[in-house]
Amino acid sequence: MLGAVAMDGLPPPDLPEAAFAGRSNVGKSSLINALANQRQLARASGEPGRTRELNFFDLAGVIRLVDLPGYGFAKAPKKAAERWTRLTSDFLRGRPNLKRVFLLIDSRHGLKSSDEAVMKDFDIAAVSYQIVLTKIDKLKPAEVEAVIAATAKKIEKRPAAFPVIIATSSSKGDGIDELRDAVAALAPEFTG
């Protein structure tokens, strides 16, 4: 739909929105592509930190997906990174139609301190968020269960955390239907 580099470039807040956040190279673009069942909707890149604006995707005129810039990418110029961080922060705090942020966590690494700092900010701002583990195809089933359990333990007392963790693989399709259902539940028109 559009890419916004400033708050005044956002679309009107007339549809529910679900945002996708996570560290650089966590697989946000690949997950959005799998979710929408389109290969090139969001540009996936081998170069971390490619998303440098708020990218909006309209789904049938009933909900928007928002791809947020990744955090934790150190190679970007400092002023540019500060600008993305400020824009993302302003969006998350001031968007009345934002229903939930899906916080993507690489299942191979689990929650990192930067993820926990973001969750703390979401808790303080009362922004509802849900953990989505990515790249589970890289782990054995027992390892997936262990990272789900460890993550659940770390979010159980966080006030803005939605308690259901979704484990996904963009390449294998694991968890994509569950994630679609979670997004659809945020838009009354999808669920009837």
Protein backbone atom coordinates (compact mmCIF):
# COMPACT_ATOMS: atom_id res chain seq x y z
CA MET A 1 0.00 0.00 0.00
CA LEU A 2 2.66 2.53 1.08
CA GLY A 3 5.84 3.15 3.02
CA ALA A 4 5.82 5.97 5.57
CA VAL A 5 8.95 7.78 6.78
CA ALA A 6 7.08 10.27 9.00
CA MET A 7 3.90 10.30 11.07
CA ASP A 8 2.18 12.68 8.66
CA GLY A 9 2.65 10.08 5.90
CA LEU A 10 0.57 7.40 7.64
CA PRO A 11 -2.72 6.27 6.14
CA PRO A 12 -5.84 7.39 8.02
CA PRO A 13 -6.59 5.27 11.10
CA ASP A 14 -9.77 3.89 9.54
CA LEU A 15 -8.94 0.15 9.59
CA PRO A 16 -7.65 -2.15 12.31
CA GLU A 17 -3.89 -2.68 12.09
CA ALA A 18 -1.56 -5.50 13.13
CA ALA A 19 2.12 -4.58 13.28
CA PHE A 20 5.11 -6.90 12.96
CA ALA A 21 8.22 -6.05 14.98
CA GLY A 22 11.47 -7.83 15.72
CA ARG A 23 15.22 -7.73 15.58
CA SER A 24 16.84 -7.25 12.22
CA ASN A 25 17.16 -10.54 10.34
CA VAL A 26 14.41 -12.28 12.38
CA GLY A 27 12.43 -13.01 9.20
CA LYS A 28 9.67 -10.38 9.28
CA SER A 29 9.43 -9.94 5.51
CA SER A 30 9.46 -13.69 4.85
CA LEU A 31 6.75 -14.21 7.46
CA ILE A 32 4.54 -11.44 6.02
CA ASN A 33 4.97 -13.00 2.56
CA ALA A 34 4.01 -16.44 3.89
CA LEU A 35 1.07 -14.97 5.79
CA ALA A 36 -0.27 -13.25 2.66
CA ASN A 37 0.62 -16.27 0.48
CA GLN A 38 2.65 -14.02 -1.84
CA ARG A 39 6.33 -14.41 -2.55
CA GLN A 40 7.29 -10.77 -3.16
CA LEU A 41 4.82 -8.70 -1.13
CA ALA A 42 7.38 -7.65 1.48
CA ARG A 43 10.94 -7.47 0.20
CA ALA A 44 13.01 -10.08 1.97
CA SER A 45 16.75 -9.52 1.90
CA GLY A 46 19.86 -11.28 3.09
CA GLU A 47 21.05 -7.88 4.31
CA PRO A 48 19.75 -7.10 7.82
CA GLY A 49 18.14 -3.72 8.38
CA ARG A 50 16.58 -3.27 4.93
CA THR A 51 13.22 -2.11 6.29
CA ARG A 52 13.73 1.58 7.01
CA GLU A 53 10.16 2.84 7.04
CA LEU A 54 6.72 1.73 8.18
CA ASN A 55 5.41 -0.45 5.35
CA PHE A 56 1.62 -0.83 5.19
CA PHE A 57 -0.13 -3.73 3.44
CA ASP A 58 -3.90 -3.59 2.90
CA LEU A 59 -5.68 -6.95 3.26
CA ALA A 60 -9.00 -6.83 1.39
CA GLY A 61 -9.87 -3.43 2.87
CA VAL A 62 -10.59 -4.92 6.31
CA ILE A 63 -7.20 -4.88 8.09
CA ARG A 64 -3.68 -3.58 7.48
CA LEU A 65 -0.40 -5.28 8.24
CA VAL A 66 2.44 -2.96 9.22
CA ASP A 67 6.07 -4.05 8.77
CA LEU A 68 8.14 -2.09 11.29
CA PRO A 69 11.89 -1.45 10.95
CA GLY A 70 13.98 -4.06 12.73
CA TYR A 71 15.83 -3.16 15.90
CA GLY A 72 19.33 -4.16 16.91
CA PHE A 73 20.95 -3.42 13.55
CA ALA A 74 24.27 -1.71 14.22
CA LYS A 75 25.52 -1.00 10.67
CA ALA A 76 23.01 1.75 9.91
CA PRO A 77 24.11 5.38 10.33
CA LYS A 78 23.30 6.49 13.87
CA LYS A 79 21.00 9.37 12.83
CA ALA A 80 19.03 7.10 10.48
CA ALA A 81 18.61 4.45 13.18
CA GLU A 82 17.46 7.12 15.66
CA ARG A 83 14.92 8.39 13.10
CA TRP A 84 13.48 4.85 12.55
CA THR A 85 13.36 4.24 16.29
CA ARG A 86 11.55 7.52 16.95
CA LEU A 87 9.07 6.93 14.11
CA THR A 88 8.35 3.40 15.32
CA SER A 89 7.94 4.58 18.91
CA ASP A 90 5.58 7.41 17.88
CA PHE A 91 3.55 4.99 15.77
CA LEU A 92 3.22 2.42 18.55
CA ARG A 93 2.21 4.98 21.17
CA GLY A 94 -0.11 7.07 19.06
CA ARG A 95 -1.96 4.75 16.68
CA PRO A 96 -5.55 4.35 17.96
CA ASN A 97 -6.42 1.56 15.50
CA LEU A 98 -3.37 -0.61 16.28
CA LYS A 99 -4.86 -3.83 17.62
CA ARG A 100 -1.72 -5.86 18.30
CA VAL A 101 1.99 -6.05 17.65
CA PHE A 102 3.30 -9.46 16.68
CA LEU A 103 6.79 -9.55 18.17
CA LEU A 104 8.95 -11.94 16.16
CA ILE A 105 11.66 -13.86 17.98
CA ASP A 106 14.19 -16.13 16.28
CA SER A 107 13.50 -19.51 17.87
CA ARG A 108 17.18 -20.47 17.62
CA HIS A 109 18.18 -17.64 19.97
CA GLY A 110 15.11 -17.08 22.16
CA LEU A 111 14.44 -13.77 23.88
CA LYS A 112 17.41 -11.43 23.91
CA SER A 113 17.87 -8.39 26.13
CA SER A 114 16.85 -6.09 23.24
CA ASP A 115 13.57 -8.06 22.88
CA GLU A 116 12.92 -7.76 26.61
CA ALA A 117 13.55 -3.99 26.45
CA VAL A 118 10.97 -3.72 23.64
CA MET A 119 8.48 -5.78 25.66
CA LYS A 120 9.01 -3.49 28.65
CA ASP A 121 8.24 -0.48 26.43
CA PHE A 122 5.08 -2.22 25.16
CA ASP A 123 4.01 -2.97 28.75
CA ILE A 124 4.55 0.64 29.83
CA ALA A 125 2.68 2.02 26.79
CA ALA A 126 -0.08 -0.64 27.15
CA VAL A 127 0.47 -1.86 23.57
CA SER A 128 -0.86 -5.41 23.20
CA TYR A 129 1.74 -7.77 21.76
CA GLN A 130 2.01 -11.45 20.94
CA ILE A 131 5.20 -13.49 20.57
CA VAL A 132 5.75 -15.26 17.25
CA LEU A 133 8.71 -17.61 17.14
CA THR A 134 10.31 -17.79 13.68
CA LYS A 135 12.53 -20.33 11.92
CA ILE A 136 11.32 -23.35 13.93
CA ASP A 137 12.29 -25.57 10.99
CA LYS A 138 15.90 -25.06 12.12
CA LEU A 139 15.21 -26.80 15.46
CA LYS A 140 14.29 -30.30 16.57
CA PRO A 141 10.71 -30.71 17.91
CA ALA A 142 11.93 -31.02 21.51
CA GLU A 143 13.95 -27.81 21.11
CA VAL A 144 10.86 -26.00 19.80
CA GLU A 145 8.87 -27.14 22.85
CA ALA A 146 11.68 -25.98 25.14
CA VAL A 147 11.88 -22.49 23.59
CA ILE A 148 8.06 -22.15 23.73
CA ALA A 149 8.10 -23.09 27.44
CA ALA A 150 11.01 -20.75 28.24
CA THR A 151 9.35 -17.88 26.37
CA ALA A 152 5.99 -18.48 28.05
CA LYS A 153 7.68 -18.34 31.45
CA LYS A 154 9.32 -15.00 30.61
CA ILE A 155 6.08 -13.34 29.47
CA GLU A 156 3.66 -14.74 32.04
CA LYS A 157 3.77 -11.63 34.25
CA ARG A 158 3.99 -9.04 31.49
CA PRO A 159 0.75 -7.01 31.47
CA ALA A 160 0.50 -6.28 27.73
CA ALA A 161 1.61 -9.73 26.51
CA PHE A 162 -1.02 -11.89 24.83
CA PRO A 163 -0.46 -15.32 26.41
CA VAL A 164 -0.53 -17.51 23.26
CA ILE A 165 2.84 -18.06 21.56
CA ILE A 166 2.78 -18.95 17.86
CA ALA A 167 5.68 -21.04 16.50
CA THR A 168 6.25 -20.57 12.76
CA SER A 169 8.40 -21.48 9.80
CA SER A 170 7.99 -19.28 6.73
CA SER A 171 9.75 -21.79 4.51
CA LYS A 172 7.81 -24.89 5.68
CA GLY A 173 4.48 -23.18 6.43
CA ASP A 174 4.37 -24.31 10.06
CA GLY A 175 2.15 -22.09 12.23
CA ILE A 176 1.12 -19.83 9.34
CA ASP A 177 -2.58 -20.80 9.54
CA GLU A 178 -2.54 -20.18 13.29
CA LEU A 179 -0.97 -16.75 12.70
CA ARG A 180 -3.54 -15.97 9.99
CA ASP A 181 -6.32 -16.82 12.44
CA ALA A 182 -4.76 -14.55 15.09
CA VAL A 183 -4.59 -11.65 12.60
CA ALA A 184 -8.13 -12.30 11.31
CA ALA A 185 -9.48 -12.28 14.88
CA LEU A 186 -8.40 -8.62 15.13
CA ALA A 187 -10.71 -7.59 12.26
CA PRO A 188 -14.44 -8.09 12.92
CA GLU A 189 -15.15 -8.19 9.18
CA PHE A 190 -12.98 -11.33 8.81
CA THR A 191 -14.56 -13.15 11.72
CA GLY A 192 -18.16 -12.13 11.09
